[in-house]
Amino acid sequence: MSWPLAFGRVMAERIVVWSAAAAADLEAIIDFILAEDSPEQALRVIEKLQLRAQGLTALSSRGRIVPELRDAGIAIYRELLESPWRIVYRLDGDRVLVLAVLDGRRDLADLLLERLTR
């Protein structure tokens, strides 16, 4: 097992866990790409998103605080950008919880409202 060093100290790795909502987001992305493109493209995109999130095992705080939420005084949610998607997550002890994969071209408030009213 490798342990990354950060500023001269050893940091434990975290486990990346996908929420049911984030898994559903991936399925919706696959469905959208399949309707517009090819299975190969859908696979490439999903692999890219999963690999990007998996990189959070070692450097889990590297994502930025979600700007729209930070402006509202909420600083526990972070995101990684994998254009055009936003991978939203939060730290939970030794886990990284991936909460959503959102279309970065859409307004976050609209996306959250849509989710809450389903």
PDB file of N, CA and C in Angstrom:
ATOM      1  N   MET A   1       0.851  -1.173   0.000  1.00  0.00           N
ATOM      2  CA  MET A   1       0.000   0.000   0.000  1.00  0.00           C
ATOM      3  C   MET A   1       0.893   1.231   0.000  1.00  0.00           C
ATOM      4  N   SER A   2       0.555   2.196  -0.814  1.00  0.00           N
ATOM      5  CA  SER A   2       1.338   3.429  -0.840  1.00  0.00           C
ATOM      6  C   SER A   2       0.621   4.491  -0.027  1.00  0.00           C
ATOM      7  N   TRP A   3       1.376   5.308   0.640  1.00  0.00           N
ATOM      8  CA  TRP A   3       0.844   6.399   1.457  1.00  0.00           C
ATOM      9  C   TRP A   3       1.409   7.691   0.934  1.00  0.00           C
ATOM     10  N   PRO A   4       0.580   8.577   0.439  1.00  0.00           N
ATOM     11  CA  PRO A   4       1.078   9.842  -0.091  1.00  0.00           C
ATOM     12  C   PRO A   4       1.608  10.738   1.026  1.00  0.00           C
ATOM     13  N   LEU A   5       2.640  11.485   0.702  1.00  0.00           N
ATOM     14  CA  LEU A   5       3.189  12.454   1.634  1.00  0.00           C
ATOM     15  C   LEU A   5       2.653  13.830   1.292  1.00  0.00           C
ATOM     16  N   ALA A   6       2.315  14.585   2.282  1.00  0.00           N
ATOM     17  CA  ALA A   6       1.861  15.962   2.076  1.00  0.00           C
ATOM     18  C   ALA A   6       2.515  16.829   3.130  1.00  0.00           C
ATOM     19  N   PHE A   7       3.334  17.753   2.693  1.00  0.00           N
ATOM     20  CA  PHE A   7       4.004  18.670   3.601  1.00  0.00           C
ATOM     21  C   PHE A   7       4.773  17.932   4.685  1.00  0.00           C
ATOM     22  N   GLY A   8       5.438  16.835   4.298  1.00  0.00           N
ATOM     23  CA  GLY A   8       6.302  16.131   5.213  1.00  0.00           C
ATOM     24  C   GLY A   8       5.608  15.175   6.167  1.00  0.00           C
ATOM     25  N   ARG A   9       4.306  14.986   6.024  1.00  0.00           N
ATOM     26  CA  ARG A   9       3.639  14.035   6.900  1.00  0.00           C
ATOM     27  C   ARG A   9       2.844  13.035   6.064  1.00  0.00           C
ATOM     28  N   VAL A  10       2.615  11.895   6.636  1.00  0.00           N
ATOM     29  CA  VAL A  10       1.900  10.832   5.935  1.00  0.00           C
ATOM     30  C   VAL A  10       0.396  11.064   6.073  1.00  0.00           C
ATOM     31  N   MET A  11      -0.310  10.932   4.939  1.00  0.00           N
ATOM     32  CA  MET A  11      -1.769  11.091   4.941  1.00  0.00           C
ATOM     33  C   MET A  11      -2.407   9.752   4.591  1.00  0.00           C
ATOM     34  N   ALA A  12      -3.417   9.365   5.344  1.00  0.00           N
ATOM     35  CA  ALA A  12      -4.132   8.124   5.056  1.00  0.00           C
ATOM     36  C   ALA A  12      -5.039   8.334   3.846  1.00  0.00           C
ATOM     37  N   GLU A  13      -5.215   7.281   3.097  1.00  0.00           N
ATOM     38  CA  GLU A  13      -6.113   7.361   1.955  1.00  0.00           C
ATOM     39  C   GLU A  13      -7.549   7.168   2.403  1.00  0.00           C
ATOM     40  N   ARG A  14      -8.455   7.785   1.671  1.00  0.00           N
ATOM     41  CA  ARG A  14      -9.887   7.638   1.938  1.00  0.00           C
ATOM     42  C   ARG A  14     -10.498   6.716   0.890  1.00  0.00           C
ATOM     43  N   ILE A  15     -11.654   6.208   1.204  1.00  0.00           N
ATOM     44  CA  ILE A  15     -12.424   5.369   0.284  1.00  0.00           C
ATOM     45  C   ILE A  15     -13.442   6.263  -0.411  1.00  0.00           C
ATOM     46  N   VAL A  16     -13.569   6.129  -1.732  1.00  0.00           N
ATOM     47  CA  VAL A  16     -14.565   6.889  -2.486  1.00  0.00           C
ATOM     48  C   VAL A  16     -15.842   6.059  -2.572  1.00  0.00           C
ATOM     49  N   VAL A  17     -16.947   6.641  -2.108  1.00  0.00           N
ATOM     50  CA  VAL A  17     -18.249   5.977  -2.101  1.00  0.00           C
ATOM     51  C   VAL A  17     -19.218   6.824  -2.920  1.00  0.00           C
ATOM     52  N   TRP A  18     -19.917   6.175  -3.849  1.00  0.00           N
ATOM     53  CA  TRP A  18     -20.897   6.872  -4.687  1.00  0.00           C
ATOM     54  C   TRP A  18     -22.275   6.744  -4.057  1.00  0.00           C
ATOM     55  N   SER A  19     -22.957   7.854  -3.867  1.00  0.00           N
ATOM     56  CA  SER A  19     -24.333   7.828  -3.366  1.00  0.00           C
ATOM     57  C   SER A  19     -25.257   7.288  -4.462  1.00  0.00           C
ATOM     58  N   ALA A  20     -26.449   6.899  -4.053  1.00  0.00           N
ATOM     59  CA  ALA A  20     -27.438   6.433  -5.036  1.00  0.00           C
ATOM     60  C   ALA A  20     -27.766   7.533  -6.036  1.00  0.00           C
ATOM     61  N   ALA A  21     -27.832   8.777  -5.570  1.00  0.00           N
ATOM     62  CA  ALA A  21     -28.135   9.902  -6.468  1.00  0.00           C
ATOM     63  C   ALA A  21     -27.017  10.089  -7.495  1.00  0.00           C
ATOM     64  N   ALA A  22     -25.766   9.974  -7.060  1.00  0.00           N
ATOM     65  CA  ALA A  22     -24.642  10.133  -7.983  1.00  0.00           C
ATOM     66  C   ALA A  22     -24.611   8.984  -8.995  1.00  0.00           C
ATOM     67  N   ALA A  23     -24.912   7.772  -8.538  1.00  0.00           N
ATOM     68  CA  ALA A  23     -24.981   6.627  -9.457  1.00  0.00           C
ATOM     69  C   ALA A  23     -26.090   6.832 -10.486  1.00  0.00           C
ATOM     70  N   ALA A  24     -27.214   7.383 -10.036  1.00  0.00           N
ATOM     71  CA  ALA A  24     -28.314   7.685 -10.971  1.00  0.00           C
ATOM     72  C   ALA A  24     -27.896   8.765 -11.964  1.00  0.00           C
ATOM     73  N   ASP A  25     -27.095   9.728 -11.493  1.00  0.00           N
ATOM     74  CA  ASP A  25     -26.577  10.752 -12.409  1.00  0.00           C
ATOM     75  C   ASP A  25     -25.735  10.119 -13.507  1.00  0.00           C
ATOM     76  N   LEU A  26     -24.868   9.163 -13.128  1.00  0.00           N
ATOM     77  CA  LEU A  26     -24.043   8.474 -14.135  1.00  0.00           C
ATOM     78  C   LEU A  26     -24.914   7.742 -15.141  1.00  0.00           C
ATOM     79  N   GLU A  27     -25.956   7.085 -14.659  1.00  0.00           N
ATOM     80  CA  GLU A  27     -26.866   6.383 -15.568  1.00  0.00           C
ATOM     81  C   GLU A  27     -27.544   7.351 -16.536  1.00  0.00           C
ATOM     82  N   ALA A  28     -27.941   8.513 -16.034  1.00  0.00           N
ATOM     83  CA  ALA A  28     -28.582   9.515 -16.895  1.00  0.00           C
ATOM     84  C   ALA A  28     -27.592  10.043 -17.936  1.00  0.00           C
ATOM     85  N   ILE A  29     -26.349  10.214 -17.529  1.00  0.00           N
ATOM     86  CA  ILE A  29     -25.315  10.668 -18.477  1.00  0.00           C
ATOM     87  C   ILE A  29     -25.127   9.616 -19.562  1.00  0.00           C
ATOM     88  N   ILE A  30     -25.068   8.340 -19.169  1.00  0.00           N
ATOM     89  CA  ILE A  30     -24.924   7.258 -20.150  1.00  0.00           C
ATOM     90  C   ILE A  30     -26.103   7.287 -21.123  1.00  0.00           C
ATOM     91  N   ASP A  31     -27.327   7.380 -20.595  1.00  0.00           N
ATOM     92  CA  ASP A  31     -28.517   7.399 -21.455  1.00  0.00           C
ATOM     93  C   ASP A  31     -28.478   8.561 -22.438  1.00  0.00           C
ATOM     94  N   PHE A  32     -28.070   9.731 -21.953  1.00  0.00           N
ATOM     95  CA  PHE A  32     -28.003  10.906 -22.814  1.00  0.00           C
ATOM     96  C   PHE A  32     -26.971  10.707 -23.928  1.00  0.00           C
ATOM     97  N   ILE A  33     -25.798  10.224 -23.567  1.00  0.00           N
ATOM     98  CA  ILE A  33     -24.737  10.041 -24.572  1.00  0.00           C
ATOM     99  C   ILE A  33     -25.127   8.965 -25.567  1.00  0.00           C
ATOM    100  N   LEU A  34     -25.742   7.899 -25.090  1.00  0.00           N
ATOM    101  CA  LEU A  34     -26.178   6.833 -26.004  1.00  0.00           C
ATOM    102  C   LEU A  34     -27.199   7.355 -27.014  1.00  0.00           C
ATOM    103  N   ALA A  35     -28.055   8.269 -26.583  1.00  0.00           N
ATOM    104  CA  ALA A  35     -29.056   8.833 -27.484  1.00  0.00           C
ATOM    105  C   ALA A  35     -28.423   9.755 -28.516  1.00  0.00           C
ATOM    106  N   GLU A  36     -27.317  10.388 -28.147  1.00  0.00           N
ATOM    107  CA  GLU A  36     -26.679  11.375 -29.020  1.00  0.00           C
ATOM    108  C   GLU A  36     -25.448  10.851 -29.745  1.00  0.00           C
ATOM    109  N   ASP A  37     -24.822   9.804 -29.200  1.00  0.00           N
ATOM    110  CA  ASP A  37     -23.517   9.383 -29.717  1.00  0.00           C
ATOM    111  C   ASP A  37     -23.433   7.859 -29.704  1.00  0.00           C
ATOM    112  N   SER A  38     -22.289   7.327 -29.319  1.00  0.00           N
ATOM    113  CA  SER A  38     -22.044   5.891 -29.392  1.00  0.00           C
ATOM    114  C   SER A  38     -21.818   5.283 -28.013  1.00  0.00           C
ATOM    115  N   PRO A  39     -21.969   3.961 -27.915  1.00  0.00           N
ATOM    116  CA  PRO A  39     -21.647   3.284 -26.655  1.00  0.00           C
ATOM    117  C   PRO A  39     -20.189   3.498 -26.245  1.00  0.00           C
ATOM    118  N   GLU A  40     -19.303   3.566 -27.223  1.00  0.00           N
ATOM    119  CA  GLU A  40     -17.880   3.777 -26.922  1.00  0.00           C
ATOM    120  C   GLU A  40     -17.655   5.137 -26.264  1.00  0.00           C
ATOM    121  N   GLN A  41     -18.340   6.153 -26.773  1.00  0.00           N
ATOM    122  CA  GLN A  41     -18.215   7.492 -26.186  1.00  0.00           C
ATOM    123  C   GLN A  41     -18.798   7.521 -24.782  1.00  0.00           C
ATOM    124  N   ALA A  42     -19.934   6.856 -24.584  1.00  0.00           N
ATOM    125  CA  ALA A  42     -20.538   6.795 -23.250  1.00  0.00           C
ATOM    126  C   ALA A  42     -19.576   6.130 -22.272  1.00  0.00           C
ATOM    127  N   LEU A  43     -18.950   5.050 -22.685  1.00  0.00           N
ATOM    128  CA  LEU A  43     -17.993   4.347 -21.827  1.00  0.00           C
ATOM    129  C   LEU A  43     -16.792   5.229 -21.501  1.00  0.00           C
ATOM    130  N   ARG A  44     -16.287   5.953 -22.489  1.00  0.00           N
ATOM    131  CA  ARG A  44     -15.142   6.850 -22.252  1.00  0.00           C
ATOM    132  C   ARG A  44     -15.479   7.925 -21.230  1.00  0.00           C
ATOM    133  N   VAL A  45     -16.650   8.515 -21.366  1.00  0.00           N
ATOM    134  CA  VAL A  45     -17.052   9.587 -20.452  1.00  0.00           C
ATOM    135  C   VAL A  45     -17.220   9.053 -19.029  1.00  0.00           C
ATOM    136  N   ILE A  46     -17.904   7.933 -18.886  1.00  0.00           N
ATOM    137  CA  ILE A  46     -18.131   7.370 -17.552  1.00  0.00           C
ATOM    138  C   ILE A  46     -16.811   6.964 -16.915  1.00  0.00           C
ATOM    139  N   GLU A  47     -15.928   6.356 -17.678  1.00  0.00           N
ATOM    140  CA  GLU A  47     -14.621   5.976 -17.132  1.00  0.00           C
ATOM    141  C   GLU A  47     -13.839   7.215 -16.689  1.00  0.00           C
ATOM    142  N   LYS A  48     -13.920   8.279 -17.473  1.00  0.00           N
ATOM    143  CA  LYS A  48     -13.222   9.517 -17.127  1.00  0.00           C
ATOM    144  C   LYS A  48     -13.761  10.104 -15.823  1.00  0.00           C
ATOM    145  N   LEU A  49     -15.085  10.118 -15.670  1.00  0.00           N
ATOM    146  CA  LEU A  49     -15.702  10.640 -14.445  1.00  0.00           C
ATOM    147  C   LEU A  49     -15.344   9.779 -13.232  1.00  0.00           C
ATOM    148  N   GLN A  50     -15.406   8.468 -13.394  1.00  0.00           N
ATOM    149  CA  GLN A  50     -15.086   7.573 -12.283  1.00  0.00           C
ATOM    150  C   GLN A  50     -13.610   7.674 -11.894  1.00  0.00           C
ATOM    151  N   LEU A  51     -12.745   7.773 -12.867  1.00  0.00           N
ATOM    152  CA  LEU A  51     -11.311   7.905 -12.591  1.00  0.00           C
ATOM    153  C   LEU A  51     -11.014   9.219 -11.876  1.00  0.00           C
ATOM    154  N   ARG A  52     -11.665  10.270 -12.308  1.00  0.00           N
ATOM    155  CA  ARG A  52     -11.474  11.584 -11.673  1.00  0.00           C
ATOM    156  C   ARG A  52     -11.893  11.532 -10.208  1.00  0.00           C
ATOM    157  N   ALA A  53     -13.031  10.912  -9.931  1.00  0.00           N
ATOM    158  CA  ALA A  53     -13.497  10.793  -8.549  1.00  0.00           C
ATOM    159  C   ALA A  53     -12.584   9.869  -7.742  1.00  0.00           C
ATOM    160  N   GLN A  54     -12.116   8.802  -8.352  1.00  0.00           N
ATOM    161  CA  GLN A  54     -11.247   7.864  -7.646  1.00  0.00           C
ATOM    162  C   GLN A  54      -9.943   8.530  -7.207  1.00  0.00           C
ATOM    163  N   GLY A  55      -9.530   9.557  -7.922  1.00  0.00           N
ATOM    164  CA  GLY A  55      -8.329  10.302  -7.549  1.00  0.00           C
ATOM    165  C   GLY A  55      -8.457  11.001  -6.205  1.00  0.00           C
ATOM    166  N   LEU A  56      -9.651  11.064  -5.671  1.00  0.00           N
ATOM    167  CA  LEU A  56      -9.868  11.704  -4.377  1.00  0.00           C
ATOM    168  C   LEU A  56      -9.430  10.832  -3.207  1.00  0.00           C
ATOM    169  N   THR A  57      -9.031   9.595  -3.459  1.00  0.00           N
ATOM    170  CA  THR A  57      -8.613   8.728  -2.360  1.00  0.00           C
ATOM    171  C   THR A  57      -7.424   9.314  -1.608  1.00  0.00           C
ATOM    172  N   ALA A  58      -6.508   9.917  -2.336  1.00  0.00           N
ATOM    173  CA  ALA A  58      -5.288  10.426  -1.707  1.00  0.00           C
ATOM    174  C   ALA A  58      -5.351  11.922  -1.415  1.00  0.00           C
ATOM    175  N   LEU A  59      -5.893  12.690  -2.318  1.00  0.00           N
ATOM    176  CA  LEU A  59      -5.921  14.153  -2.165  1.00  0.00           C
ATOM    177  C   LEU A  59      -7.361  14.643  -2.138  1.00  0.00           C
ATOM    178  N   SER A  60      -8.086  14.219  -1.136  1.00  0.00           N
ATOM    179  CA  SER A  60      -9.527  14.440  -1.114  1.00  0.00           C
ATOM    180  C   SER A  60      -9.956  15.891  -0.911  1.00  0.00           C
ATOM    181  N   SER A  61      -9.083  16.727  -0.430  1.00  0.00           N
ATOM    182  CA  SER A  61      -9.449  18.138  -0.235  1.00  0.00           C
ATOM    183  C   SER A  61      -9.063  19.009  -1.416  1.00  0.00           C
ATOM    184  N   ARG A  62      -8.605  18.407  -2.485  1.00  0.00           N
ATOM    185  CA  ARG A  62      -8.120  19.215  -3.604  1.00  0.00           C
ATOM    186  C   ARG A  62      -9.223  19.899  -4.399  1.00  0.00           C
ATOM    187  N   GLY A  63     -10.428  19.378  -4.337  1.00  0.00           N
ATOM    188  CA  GLY A  63     -11.531  20.023  -5.045  1.00  0.00           C
ATOM    189  C   GLY A  63     -11.877  21.348  -4.394  1.00  0.00           C
ATOM    190  N   ARG A  64     -12.408  22.247  -5.201  1.00  0.00           N
ATOM    191  CA  ARG A  64     -12.785  23.552  -4.651  1.00  0.00           C
ATOM    192  C   ARG A  64     -14.118  23.447  -3.919  1.00  0.00           C
ATOM    193  N   ILE A  65     -14.332  24.350  -2.982  1.00  0.00           N
ATOM    194  CA  ILE A  65     -15.641  24.445  -2.336  1.00  0.00           C
ATOM    195  C   ILE A  65     -16.618  24.926  -3.404  1.00  0.00           C
ATOM    196  N   VAL A  66     -17.800  24.321  -3.460  1.00  0.00           N
ATOM    197  CA  VAL A  66     -18.796  24.673  -4.478  1.00  0.00           C
ATOM    198  C   VAL A  66     -19.103  26.170  -4.320  1.00  0.00           C
ATOM    199  N   PRO A  67     -18.753  26.989  -5.332  1.00  0.00           N
ATOM    200  CA  PRO A  67     -18.855  28.444  -5.195  1.00  0.00           C
ATOM    201  C   PRO A  67     -20.237  28.951  -4.806  1.00  0.00           C
ATOM    202  N   GLU A  68     -21.286  28.411  -5.418  1.00  0.00           N
ATOM    203  CA  GLU A  68     -22.639  28.887  -5.126  1.00  0.00           C
ATOM    204  C   GLU A  68     -23.027  28.605  -3.674  1.00  0.00           C
ATOM    205  N   LEU A  69     -22.544  27.489  -3.141  1.00  0.00           N
ATOM    206  CA  LEU A  69     -22.843  27.147  -1.749  1.00  0.00           C
ATOM    207  C   LEU A  69     -21.950  27.922  -0.792  1.00  0.00           C
ATOM    208  N   ARG A  70     -20.693  28.125  -1.168  1.00  0.00           N
ATOM    209  CA  ARG A  70     -19.781  28.935  -0.355  1.00  0.00           C
ATOM    210  C   ARG A  70     -20.349  30.335  -0.174  1.00  0.00           C
ATOM    211  N   ASP A  71     -20.897  30.895  -1.244  1.00  0.00           N
ATOM    212  CA  ASP A  71     -21.492  32.234  -1.180  1.00  0.00           C
ATOM    213  C   ASP A  71     -22.676  32.280  -0.222  1.00  0.00           C
ATOM    214  N   ALA A  72     -23.300  31.121   0.015  1.00  0.00           N
ATOM    215  CA  ALA A  72     -24.424  31.041   0.955  1.00  0.00           C
ATOM    216  C   ALA A  72     -23.954  30.623   2.349  1.00  0.00           C
ATOM    217  N   GLY A  73     -22.637  30.550   2.541  1.00  0.00           N
ATOM    218  CA  GLY A  73     -22.084  30.201   3.846  1.00  0.00           C
ATOM    219  C   GLY A  73     -21.976  28.706   4.108  1.00  0.00           C
ATOM    220  N   ILE A  74     -22.092  27.895   3.079  1.00  0.00           N
ATOM    221  CA  ILE A  74     -22.004  26.433   3.215  1.00  0.00           C
ATOM    222  C   ILE A  74     -20.678  25.984   2.604  1.00  0.00           C
ATOM    223  N   ALA A  75     -19.794  25.448   3.444  1.00  0.00           N
ATOM    224  CA  ALA A  75     -18.448  25.132   2.966  1.00  0.00           C
ATOM    225  C   ALA A  75     -18.081  23.657   3.069  1.00  0.00           C
ATOM    226  N   ILE A  76     -19.048  22.776   3.284  1.00  0.00           N
ATOM    227  CA  ILE A  76     -18.703  21.361   3.438  1.00  0.00           C
ATOM    228  C   ILE A  76     -18.728  20.592   2.123  1.00  0.00           C
ATOM    229  N   TYR A  77     -19.241  21.210   1.070  1.00  0.00           N
ATOM    230  CA  TYR A  77     -19.343  20.520  -0.221  1.00  0.00           C
ATOM    231  C   TYR A  77     -18.251  21.012  -1.158  1.00  0.00           C
ATOM    232  N   ARG A  78     -17.571  20.058  -1.771  1.00  0.00           N
ATOM    233  CA  ARG A  78     -16.491  20.361  -2.710  1.00  0.00           C
ATOM    234  C   ARG A  78     -16.866  19.803  -4.072  1.00  0.00           C
ATOM    235  N   GLU A  79     -16.099  20.232  -5.073  1.00  0.00           N
ATOM    236  CA  GLU A  79     -16.360  19.708  -6.407  1.00  0.00           C
ATOM    237  C   GLU A  79     -15.079  19.611  -7.205  1.00  0.00           C
ATOM    238  N   LEU A  80     -15.087  18.645  -8.102  1.00  0.00           N
ATOM    239  CA  LEU A  80     -14.062  18.516  -9.124  1.00  0.00           C
ATOM    240  C   LEU A  80     -14.751  18.798 -10.451  1.00  0.00           C
ATOM    241  N   LEU A  81     -14.054  19.469 -11.315  1.00  0.00           N
ATOM    242  CA  LEU A  81     -14.602  19.755 -12.638  1.00  0.00           C
ATOM    243  C   LEU A  81     -14.014  18.781 -13.643  1.00  0.00           C
ATOM    244  N   GLU A  82     -14.885  18.149 -14.386  1.00  0.00           N
ATOM    245  CA  GLU A  82     -14.515  17.289 -15.514  1.00  0.00           C
ATOM    246  C   GLU A  82     -15.466  17.707 -16.618  1.00  0.00           C
ATOM    247  N   SER A  83     -15.075  18.768 -17.285  1.00  0.00           N
ATOM    248  CA  SER A  83     -15.937  19.484 -18.208  1.00  0.00           C
ATOM    249  C   SER A  83     -16.714  18.553 -19.135  1.00  0.00           C
ATOM    250  N   PRO A  84     -18.013  18.765 -19.237  1.00  0.00           N
ATOM    251  CA  PRO A  84     -18.807  19.846 -18.671  1.00  0.00           C
ATOM    252  C   PRO A  84     -19.448  19.494 -17.325  1.00  0.00           C
ATOM    253  N   TRP A  85     -18.969  18.438 -16.665  1.00  0.00           N
ATOM    254  CA  TRP A  85     -19.608  17.974 -15.441  1.00  0.00           C
ATOM    255  C   TRP A  85     -18.903  18.472 -14.186  1.00  0.00           C
ATOM    256  N   ARG A  86     -19.700  18.529 -13.137  1.00  0.00           N
ATOM    257  CA  ARG A  86     -19.217  18.898 -11.805  1.00  0.00           C
ATOM    258  C   ARG A  86     -19.465  17.687 -10.903  1.00  0.00           C
ATOM    259  N   ILE A  87     -18.408  17.146 -10.339  1.00  0.00           N
ATOM    260  CA  ILE A  87     -18.514  16.019  -9.414  1.00  0.00           C
ATOM    261  C   ILE A  87     -18.548  16.616  -8.007  1.00  0.00           C
ATOM    262  N   VAL A  88     -19.702  16.563  -7.371  1.00  0.00           N
ATOM    263  CA  VAL A  88     -19.894  17.190  -6.058  1.00  0.00           C
ATOM    264  C   VAL A  88     -19.733  16.111  -4.986  1.00  0.00           C
ATOM    265  N   TYR A  89     -18.941  16.437  -3.968  1.00  0.00           N
ATOM    266  CA  TYR A  89     -18.670  15.468  -2.913  1.00  0.00           C
ATOM    267  C   TYR A  89     -18.467  16.172  -1.575  1.00  0.00           C
ATOM    268  N   ARG A  90     -18.419  15.358  -0.516  1.00  0.00           N
ATOM    269  CA  ARG A  90     -18.059  15.870   0.799  1.00  0.00           C
ATOM    270  C   ARG A  90     -17.236  14.801   1.509  1.00  0.00           C
ATOM    271  N   LEU A  91     -16.447  15.240   2.455  1.00  0.00           N
ATOM    272  CA  LEU A  91     -15.621  14.330   3.239  1.00  0.00           C
ATOM    273  C   LEU A  91     -16.433  13.852   4.433  1.00  0.00           C
ATOM    274  N   ASP A  92     -16.293  12.571   4.735  1.00  0.00           N
ATOM    275  CA  ASP A  92     -17.013  11.968   5.856  1.00  0.00           C
ATOM    276  C   ASP A  92     -16.077  10.964   6.523  1.00  0.00           C
ATOM    277  N   GLY A  93     -15.262  11.458   7.454  1.00  0.00           N
ATOM    278  CA  GLY A  93     -14.296  10.590   8.127  1.00  0.00           C
ATOM    279  C   GLY A  93     -13.283  10.047   7.139  1.00  0.00           C
ATOM    280  N   ASP A  94     -13.221   8.729   7.024  1.00  0.00           N
ATOM    281  CA  ASP A  94     -12.264   8.110   6.110  1.00  0.00           C
ATOM    282  C   ASP A  94     -12.870   7.855   4.729  1.00  0.00           C
ATOM    283  N   ARG A  95     -14.014   8.493   4.456  1.00  0.00           N
ATOM    284  CA  ARG A  95     -14.672   8.316   3.158  1.00  0.00           C
ATOM    285  C   ARG A  95     -14.820   9.637   2.423  1.00  0.00           C
ATOM    286  N   VAL A  96     -14.866   9.529   1.116  1.00  0.00           N
ATOM    287  CA  VAL A  96     -15.260  10.643   0.254  1.00  0.00           C
ATOM    288  C   VAL A  96     -16.603  10.231  -0.326  1.00  0.00           C
ATOM    289  N   LEU A  97     -17.642  10.986  -0.030  1.00  0.00           N
ATOM    290  CA  LEU A  97     -18.980  10.673  -0.528  1.00  0.00           C
ATOM    291  C   LEU A  97     -19.266  11.497  -1.773  1.00  0.00           C
ATOM    292  N   VAL A  98     -19.346  10.829  -2.907  1.00  0.00           N
ATOM    293  CA  VAL A  98     -19.723  11.504  -4.146  1.00  0.00           C
ATOM    294  C   VAL A  98     -21.235  11.618  -4.122  1.00  0.00           C
ATOM    295  N   LEU A  99     -21.714  12.855  -4.134  1.00  0.00           N
ATOM    296  CA  LEU A  99     -23.144  13.117  -3.952  1.00  0.00           C
ATOM    297  C   LEU A  99     -23.893  13.359  -5.251  1.00  0.00           C
ATOM    298  N   ALA A 100     -23.186  13.883  -6.255  1.00  0.00           N
ATOM    299  CA  ALA A 100     -23.863  14.217  -7.510  1.00  0.00           C
ATOM    300  C   ALA A 100     -22.842  14.412  -8.617  1.00  0.00           C
ATOM    301  N   VAL A 101     -23.288  14.184  -9.825  1.00  0.00           N
ATOM    302  CA  VAL A 101     -22.529  14.549 -11.023  1.00  0.00           C
ATOM    303  C   VAL A 101     -23.486  15.421 -11.831  1.00  0.00           C
ATOM    304  N   LEU A 102     -23.184  16.712 -11.852  1.00  0.00           N
ATOM    305  CA  LEU A 102     -24.102  17.699 -12.411  1.00  0.00           C
ATOM    306  C   LEU A 102     -23.550  18.295 -13.697  1.00  0.00           C
ATOM    307  N   ASP A 103     -24.448  18.708 -14.557  1.00  0.00           N
ATOM    308  CA  ASP A 103     -24.069  19.380 -15.797  1.00  0.00           C
ATOM    309  C   ASP A 103     -23.647  20.802 -15.458  1.00  0.00           C
ATOM    310  N   GLY A 104     -22.375  21.100 -15.663  1.00  0.00           N
ATOM    311  CA  GLY A 104     -21.830  22.411 -15.321  1.00  0.00           C
ATOM    312  C   GLY A 104     -22.368  23.544 -16.179  1.00  0.00           C
ATOM    313  N   ARG A 105     -23.084  23.226 -17.242  1.00  0.00           N
ATOM    314  CA  ARG A 105     -23.651  24.271 -18.101  1.00  0.00           C
ATOM    315  C   ARG A 105     -24.995  24.766 -17.573  1.00  0.00           C
ATOM    316  N   ARG A 106     -25.500  24.055 -16.560  1.00  0.00           N
ATOM    317  CA  ARG A 106     -26.802  24.443 -15.993  1.00  0.00           C
ATOM    318  C   ARG A 106     -26.609  25.168 -14.669  1.00  0.00           C
ATOM    319  N   ASP A 107     -27.595  25.944 -14.295  1.00  0.00           N
ATOM    320  CA  ASP A 107     -27.568  26.692 -13.050  1.00  0.00           C
ATOM    321  C   ASP A 107     -27.741  25.730 -11.869  1.00  0.00           C
ATOM    322  N   LEU A 108     -26.846  25.842 -10.886  1.00  0.00           N
ATOM    323  CA  LEU A 108     -26.888  24.931  -9.739  1.00  0.00           C
ATOM    324  C   LEU A 108     -28.209  25.042  -8.975  1.00  0.00           C
ATOM    325  N   ALA A 109     -28.714  26.224  -8.779  1.00  0.00           N
ATOM    326  CA  ALA A 109     -29.980  26.397  -8.062  1.00  0.00           C
ATOM    327  C   ALA A 109     -31.113  25.659  -8.778  1.00  0.00           C
ATOM    328  N   ASP A 110     -31.150  25.752 -10.102  1.00  0.00           N
ATOM    329  CA  ASP A 110     -32.182  25.044 -10.869  1.00  0.00           C
ATOM    330  C   ASP A 110     -32.032  23.532 -10.714  1.00  0.00           C
ATOM    331  N   LEU A 111     -30.785  23.047 -10.757  1.00  0.00           N
ATOM    332  CA  LEU A 111     -30.545  21.609 -10.617  1.00  0.00           C
ATOM    333  C   LEU A 111     -30.980  21.102  -9.239  1.00  0.00           C
ATOM    334  N   LEU A 112     -30.645  21.855  -8.197  1.00  0.00           N
ATOM    335  CA  LEU A 112     -31.022  21.454  -6.839  1.00  0.00           C
ATOM    336  C   LEU A 112     -32.536  21.485  -6.655  1.00  0.00           C
ATOM    337  N   LEU A 113     -33.176  22.510  -7.185  1.00  0.00           N
ATOM    338  CA  LEU A 113     -34.635  22.588  -7.098  1.00  0.00           C
ATOM    339  C   LEU A 113     -35.278  21.400  -7.813  1.00  0.00           C
ATOM    340  N   GLU A 114     -34.754  21.078  -8.984  1.00  0.00           N
ATOM    341  CA  GLU A 114     -35.267  19.935  -9.742  1.00  0.00           C
ATOM    342  C   GLU A 114     -35.143  18.639  -8.938  1.00  0.00           C
ATOM    343  N   ARG A 115     -33.999  18.451  -8.278  1.00  0.00           N
ATOM    344  CA  ARG A 115     -33.793  17.252  -7.469  1.00  0.00           C
ATOM    345  C   ARG A 115     -34.737  17.183  -6.284  1.00  0.00           C
ATOM    346  N   LEU A 116     -34.919  18.300  -5.634  1.00  0.00           N
ATOM    347  CA  LEU A 116     -35.729  18.319  -4.423  1.00  0.00           C
ATOM    348  C   LEU A 116     -37.215  18.160  -4.710  1.00  0.00           C
ATOM    349  N   THR A 117     -37.633  18.418  -5.939  1.00  0.00           N
ATOM    350  CA  THR A 117     -39.050  18.317  -6.265  1.00  0.00           C
ATOM    351  C   THR A 117     -39.395  17.044  -7.034  1.00  0.00           C
ATOM    352  N   ARG A 118     -38.464  16.144  -7.182  1.00  0.00           N
ATOM    353  CA  ARG A 118     -38.750  14.868  -7.866  1.00  0.00           C
ATOM    354  C   ARG A 118     -39.644  13.994  -7.032  1.00  0.00           C
TER     355      ARG A 118
END
